[in-house]
Amino acid sequence: MTVEQQREDAFEIKRIYIKDLSFESPNGAETFTNPWAPEVSIDVDVNDDKLGEEVFEVVLTLTVTVENAGATAFMIELLQGGIFACRGFSGEQLQRVLYTYCPNALFPYAREAIDSVVLKASFPALMIEPVNFEALYNQHAEAGQP
């Protein structure tokens, strides 16, 4: 990559927002009658959509299910969206930016939104561990998935 190419490449965050947020506590008050020993499962997904010339929406979806005493304590699905300008990237390089850099930018916002909802629902704080989006991208690339 030449110095001229480096100057042309640009990554810019235009906006970060919550696209969709769903919280459910199917057992309501009954959930609070059992000692708290949660089993947490988290599913992560990333999708992109081209909005315009070199402008993309990237959506990080986190689905959190917490079980306690053999029952679902709560479920959260969050779609954390972002609009990003990605100039000068193409092909695999663009895909790597969209599926690693963008979700890395979105993740702290998603984590905070989930934790806030969990606390407002009167559950103990849920500190979601960081996600290695580079490793996830590499796993999908090795498996031949987009």
Protein backbone atom coordinates (compact mmCIF):
# COMPACT_ATOMS: atom_id res chain seq x y z
CA MET A 1 0.00 0.00 0.00
CA THR A 2 1.43 3.34 -1.00
CA VAL A 3 1.29 6.56 1.01
CA GLU A 4 -1.30 7.90 -1.48
CA GLN A 5 -3.56 4.87 -0.85
CA GLN A 6 -3.22 5.31 2.92
CA ARG A 7 -4.45 8.90 2.62
CA GLU A 8 -7.46 7.78 0.57
CA ASP A 9 -8.53 5.08 3.02
CA ALA A 10 -10.88 6.42 5.66
CA PHE A 11 -13.06 4.94 8.34
CA GLU A 12 -15.54 7.27 9.99
CA ILE A 13 -18.32 6.70 12.49
CA LYS A 14 -21.34 8.76 11.39
CA ARG A 15 -23.88 7.61 13.99
CA ILE A 16 -24.44 4.93 16.63
CA TYR A 17 -27.97 4.08 17.70
CA ILE A 18 -30.26 1.40 19.12
CA LYS A 19 -32.19 -0.07 16.22
CA ASP A 20 -34.28 -2.51 18.28
CA LEU A 21 -34.39 -3.62 21.90
CA SER A 22 -36.51 -6.35 23.42
CA PHE A 23 -36.61 -7.49 27.05
CA GLU A 24 -38.69 -10.32 28.46
CA SER A 25 -38.90 -11.85 31.91
CA PRO A 26 -41.38 -14.67 31.30
CA ASN A 27 -41.66 -15.80 34.92
CA GLY A 28 -41.97 -12.33 36.41
CA ALA A 29 -41.88 -12.11 40.22
CA GLU A 30 -41.38 -15.86 40.58
CA THR A 31 -37.86 -15.38 39.22
CA PHE A 32 -36.91 -13.36 42.31
CA THR A 33 -37.93 -16.11 44.77
CA ASN A 34 -34.99 -18.37 43.90
CA PRO A 35 -31.33 -17.96 44.90
CA TRP A 36 -29.45 -16.22 42.10
CA ALA A 37 -27.11 -18.59 40.28
CA PRO A 38 -27.51 -17.58 36.62
CA GLU A 39 -26.49 -19.47 33.51
CA VAL A 40 -25.87 -16.95 30.75
CA SER A 41 -25.78 -17.64 27.04
CA ILE A 42 -25.02 -14.98 24.45
CA ASP A 43 -25.41 -15.17 20.68
CA VAL A 44 -23.63 -12.61 18.52
CA ASP A 45 -24.39 -11.69 14.93
CA VAL A 46 -23.24 -8.90 12.60
CA ASN A 47 -24.93 -7.75 9.41
CA ASP A 48 -24.31 -4.90 7.01
CA ASP A 49 -26.33 -2.96 4.47
CA LYS A 50 -24.98 -0.50 1.93
CA LEU A 51 -26.74 2.86 2.36
CA GLY A 52 -24.91 4.83 -0.29
CA GLU A 53 -21.57 5.34 -1.94
CA GLU A 54 -19.05 4.07 0.66
CA VAL A 55 -21.62 4.42 3.49
CA PHE A 56 -22.84 1.36 5.36
CA GLU A 57 -25.18 0.46 8.16
CA VAL A 58 -23.73 -2.24 10.39
CA VAL A 59 -25.96 -3.92 12.95
CA LEU A 60 -24.56 -5.87 15.88
CA THR A 61 -27.18 -8.23 17.32
CA LEU A 62 -26.71 -9.57 20.83
CA THR A 63 -29.20 -12.12 22.12
CA VAL A 64 -28.80 -12.80 25.84
CA THR A 65 -30.66 -15.58 27.63
CA VAL A 66 -30.28 -15.96 31.38
CA GLU A 67 -31.54 -19.11 33.09
CA ASN A 68 -31.85 -19.45 36.85
CA ALA A 69 -33.15 -22.43 38.85
CA GLY A 70 -34.08 -24.26 35.64
CA ALA A 71 -36.24 -21.45 34.25
CA THR A 72 -35.66 -18.46 32.00
CA ALA A 73 -35.03 -15.42 34.20
CA PHE A 74 -34.87 -13.01 31.27
CA MET A 75 -34.06 -12.64 27.60
CA ILE A 76 -32.75 -9.58 25.81
CA GLU A 77 -32.31 -9.00 22.12
CA LEU A 78 -30.50 -5.83 21.15
CA LEU A 79 -29.78 -4.59 17.65
CA GLN A 80 -27.11 -1.93 18.03
CA GLY A 81 -26.76 -0.07 14.77
CA GLY A 82 -24.17 2.22 13.34
CA ILE A 83 -23.63 4.20 10.17
CA PHE A 84 -20.06 4.14 8.92
CA ALA A 85 -18.20 5.74 6.04
CA CYS A 86 -15.61 3.34 4.63
CA ARG A 87 -13.67 5.04 1.84
CA GLY A 88 -10.90 3.41 -0.12
CA PHE A 89 -11.63 -0.15 0.96
CA SER A 90 -12.78 -2.93 -1.34
CA GLY A 91 -13.32 -6.67 -1.42
CA GLU A 92 -12.00 -8.63 1.54
CA GLN A 93 -10.51 -5.50 3.10
CA LEU A 94 -13.96 -3.83 3.19
CA GLN A 95 -15.56 -6.98 4.62
CA ARG A 96 -12.92 -7.09 7.36
CA VAL A 97 -13.63 -3.43 8.26
CA LEU A 98 -17.41 -4.00 8.31
CA TYR A 99 -17.21 -7.18 10.40
CA THR A 100 -14.38 -6.30 12.79
CA TYR A 101 -13.84 -2.54 13.16
CA CYS A 102 -17.54 -1.65 13.05
CA PRO A 103 -18.79 -4.18 15.62
CA ASN A 104 -15.82 -3.28 17.85
CA ALA A 105 -17.08 0.32 17.77
CA LEU A 106 -20.68 -0.77 18.48
CA PHE A 107 -19.99 -3.30 21.22
CA PRO A 108 -19.40 -0.93 24.17
CA TYR A 109 -22.70 0.82 23.43
CA ALA A 110 -24.54 -2.50 23.18
CA ARG A 111 -22.98 -3.74 26.40
CA GLU A 112 -24.00 -0.58 28.26
CA ALA A 113 -27.57 -0.68 26.90
CA ILE A 114 -28.01 -4.30 27.96
CA ASP A 115 -26.57 -3.67 31.41
CA SER A 116 -28.84 -0.66 31.87
CA VAL A 117 -31.98 -2.63 30.99
CA VAL A 118 -30.96 -5.52 33.25
CA LEU A 119 -30.46 -3.17 36.21
CA LYS A 120 -33.77 -1.39 35.54
CA ALA A 121 -35.50 -4.78 35.54
CA SER A 122 -34.12 -5.30 39.07
CA PHE A 123 -31.61 -8.02 38.18
CA PRO A 124 -27.93 -7.98 39.18
CA ALA A 125 -25.57 -6.28 36.73
CA LEU A 126 -24.66 -8.34 33.69
CA MET A 127 -21.13 -7.59 32.54
CA ILE A 128 -20.82 -9.12 29.10
CA GLU A 129 -17.28 -10.23 28.30
CA PRO A 130 -15.59 -8.54 25.33
CA VAL A 131 -16.02 -10.25 21.97
CA ASN A 132 -13.07 -10.88 19.67
CA PHE A 133 -14.65 -9.87 16.35
CA GLU A 134 -11.38 -10.45 14.49
CA ALA A 135 -11.38 -14.11 15.59
CA LEU A 136 -15.07 -14.50 14.66
CA TYR A 137 -14.39 -12.99 11.24
CA ASN A 138 -11.44 -15.33 10.69
CA GLN A 139 -13.54 -18.37 11.70
CA HIS A 140 -16.26 -17.43 9.20
CA ALA A 141 -13.67 -16.74 6.48
CA GLU A 142 -12.02 -20.14 7.04
CA ALA A 143 -15.43 -21.83 6.86
CA GLY A 144 -16.16 -20.00 3.59
CA GLN A 145 -19.03 -18.01 5.10
CA PRO A 146 -19.60 -14.31 4.40
